[in-house]
């Protein structure tokens, strides 16, 4: 895995991808905590469901962050599918600055997955 892309070694790109997965997980976990605090005050079951989905997304981001460094093509395939789903879901809701930031983060991770996945094969 010593190949490089535009002068940046693939191992460093893989590490950056892993870090961005963890950052994304922290963001989703933060949103989930905020959602739970609103759910408690509003007694809204929809907020509880959405917060649960946010926690599930954070767990998946963490899992991919941990597994992506193994360099298995199968992990890259599922990570690309999952991030593509996240990109699509990012634009299907109301779209504001937070959504734009998440969309940008998801697109960066997706791009890094494509590039580093090509170097793994």
Protein backbone atom coordinates (compact mmCIF):
# COMPACT_ATOMS: atom_id res chain seq x y z
CA UNK A 1 0.00 0.00 0.00
CA UNK A 2 2.93 2.33 -0.63
CA UNK A 3 1.39 3.83 -3.76
CA UNK A 4 0.69 7.53 -3.71
CA UNK A 5 -1.87 9.92 -5.08
CA UNK A 6 -0.65 13.41 -6.01
CA UNK A 7 2.37 12.94 -3.74
CA UNK A 8 0.35 11.91 -0.66
CA UNK A 9 1.04 8.30 0.37
CA UNK A 10 -1.99 6.02 0.37
CA UNK A 11 -1.41 5.13 4.03
CA UNK A 12 -1.72 8.81 5.03
CA UNK A 13 -4.86 9.15 2.93
CA UNK A 14 -6.26 6.07 4.61
CA UNK A 15 -5.48 7.54 8.04
CA UNK A 16 -7.17 10.82 7.02
CA UNK A 17 -10.23 8.87 5.90
CA UNK A 18 -10.31 7.08 9.24
CA UNK A 19 -10.04 10.35 11.17
CA UNK A 20 -12.85 11.91 9.13
CA UNK A 21 -15.07 8.90 9.86
CA UNK A 22 -14.45 9.49 13.57
CA UNK A 23 -15.15 13.23 13.22
CA UNK A 24 -18.39 12.41 11.43
CA UNK A 25 -19.32 10.00 14.23
CA UNK A 26 -18.70 12.69 16.85
CA UNK A 27 -20.87 15.15 14.92
CA UNK A 28 -23.74 12.66 14.70
CA UNK A 29 -23.41 11.74 18.36
CA UNK A 30 -23.54 15.43 19.27
CA UNK A 31 -26.70 15.88 17.19
CA UNK A 32 -28.18 12.81 18.91
CA UNK A 33 -27.48 14.22 22.38
CA UNK A 34 -29.08 17.53 21.38
CA UNK A 35 -32.04 15.62 19.97
CA UNK A 36 -32.47 13.65 23.19
CA UNK A 37 -32.39 16.84 25.25
CA UNK A 38 -35.15 18.26 23.06
CA UNK A 39 -37.08 14.99 23.18
CA UNK A 40 -37.04 15.08 26.98
CA UNK A 41 -38.38 18.62 27.12
CA UNK A 42 -40.91 18.18 24.28
CA UNK A 43 -41.95 14.60 25.09
CA UNK A 44 -41.81 13.97 21.34
CA UNK A 45 -41.55 10.36 20.20
CA UNK A 46 -40.36 11.48 16.75
CA UNK A 47 -37.34 13.21 18.31
CA UNK A 48 -36.51 9.98 20.17
CA UNK A 49 -36.65 8.00 16.93
CA UNK A 50 -34.51 10.53 15.07
CA UNK A 51 -31.99 10.61 17.92
CA UNK A 52 -31.81 6.82 17.81
CA UNK A 53 -31.10 6.95 14.07
CA UNK A 54 -28.39 9.52 14.70
CA UNK A 55 -26.77 7.23 17.29
CA UNK A 56 -26.96 4.34 14.82
CA UNK A 57 -25.27 6.51 12.18
CA UNK A 58 -22.54 7.46 14.67
CA UNK A 59 -22.00 3.77 15.46
CA UNK A 60 -21.69 2.91 11.76
CA UNK A 61 -19.26 5.78 11.17
CA UNK A 62 -17.15 4.58 14.09
CA UNK A 63 -17.26 0.97 12.84
CA UNK A 64 -16.15 1.98 9.35
CA UNK A 65 -13.43 4.17 10.87
CA UNK A 66 -12.11 1.20 12.79
CA UNK A 67 -12.37 -1.31 9.94
CA UNK A 68 -11.22 0.83 7.00
CA UNK A 69 -7.55 0.55 7.97
CA UNK A 70 -7.69 -3.22 7.40
CA UNK A 71 -7.57 -2.46 3.69
CA UNK A 72 -10.15 -5.04 2.65
CA UNK A 73 -11.90 -4.32 -0.63
CA UNK A 74 -15.21 -5.51 0.81
CA UNK A 75 -15.05 -2.94 3.62
CA UNK A 76 -14.36 -0.20 1.08
CA UNK A 77 -17.30 -1.32 -1.03
CA UNK A 78 -19.74 -1.17 1.88
CA UNK A 79 -18.24 2.08 3.18
CA UNK A 80 -18.71 3.67 -0.25
CA UNK A 81 -22.32 2.46 -0.38
CA UNK A 82 -22.99 3.75 3.13
CA UNK A 83 -21.44 7.13 2.46
CA UNK A 84 -23.33 7.44 -0.83
CA UNK A 85 -26.55 6.80 1.11
CA UNK A 86 -25.54 9.47 3.62
CA UNK A 87 -24.92 11.94 0.78
CA UNK A 88 -28.35 11.26 -0.70
CA UNK A 89 -30.05 11.54 2.68
CA UNK A 90 -28.21 14.81 3.37
CA UNK A 91 -30.05 16.57 0.56
CA UNK A 92 -33.51 15.06 1.07
CA UNK A 93 -34.32 17.04 4.19
CA UNK A 94 -34.52 20.75 4.90
CA UNK A 95 -31.19 22.14 3.80
CA UNK A 96 -29.29 24.64 5.94
CA UNK A 97 -25.71 25.41 6.92
CA UNK A 98 -25.38 22.37 9.17
CA UNK A 99 -26.66 20.16 6.37
CA UNK A 100 -24.19 21.72 3.97
CA UNK A 101 -21.33 21.02 6.39
CA UNK A 102 -22.39 17.39 6.82
CA UNK A 103 -22.84 17.01 3.06
CA UNK A 104 -19.37 18.40 2.47
CA UNK A 105 -17.85 16.09 5.09
CA UNK A 106 -19.66 13.09 3.58
CA UNK A 107 -18.50 14.00 0.06
CA UNK A 108 -14.89 14.37 1.22
CA UNK A 109 -15.01 10.95 2.90
CA UNK A 110 -16.66 9.43 -0.16
CA UNK A 111 -13.97 10.89 -2.43
CA UNK A 112 -11.20 9.63 -0.17
CA UNK A 113 -12.79 6.18 -0.14
CA UNK A 114 -12.79 6.08 -3.93
CA UNK A 115 -9.16 7.18 -4.15
CA UNK A 116 -7.77 5.01 -1.35
CA UNK A 117 -9.92 2.06 -2.41
CA UNK A 118 -8.27 2.15 -5.83
CA UNK A 119 -4.85 2.00 -4.17
CA UNK A 120 -5.83 -1.03 -2.05
CA UNK A 121 -6.59 -3.35 -4.97
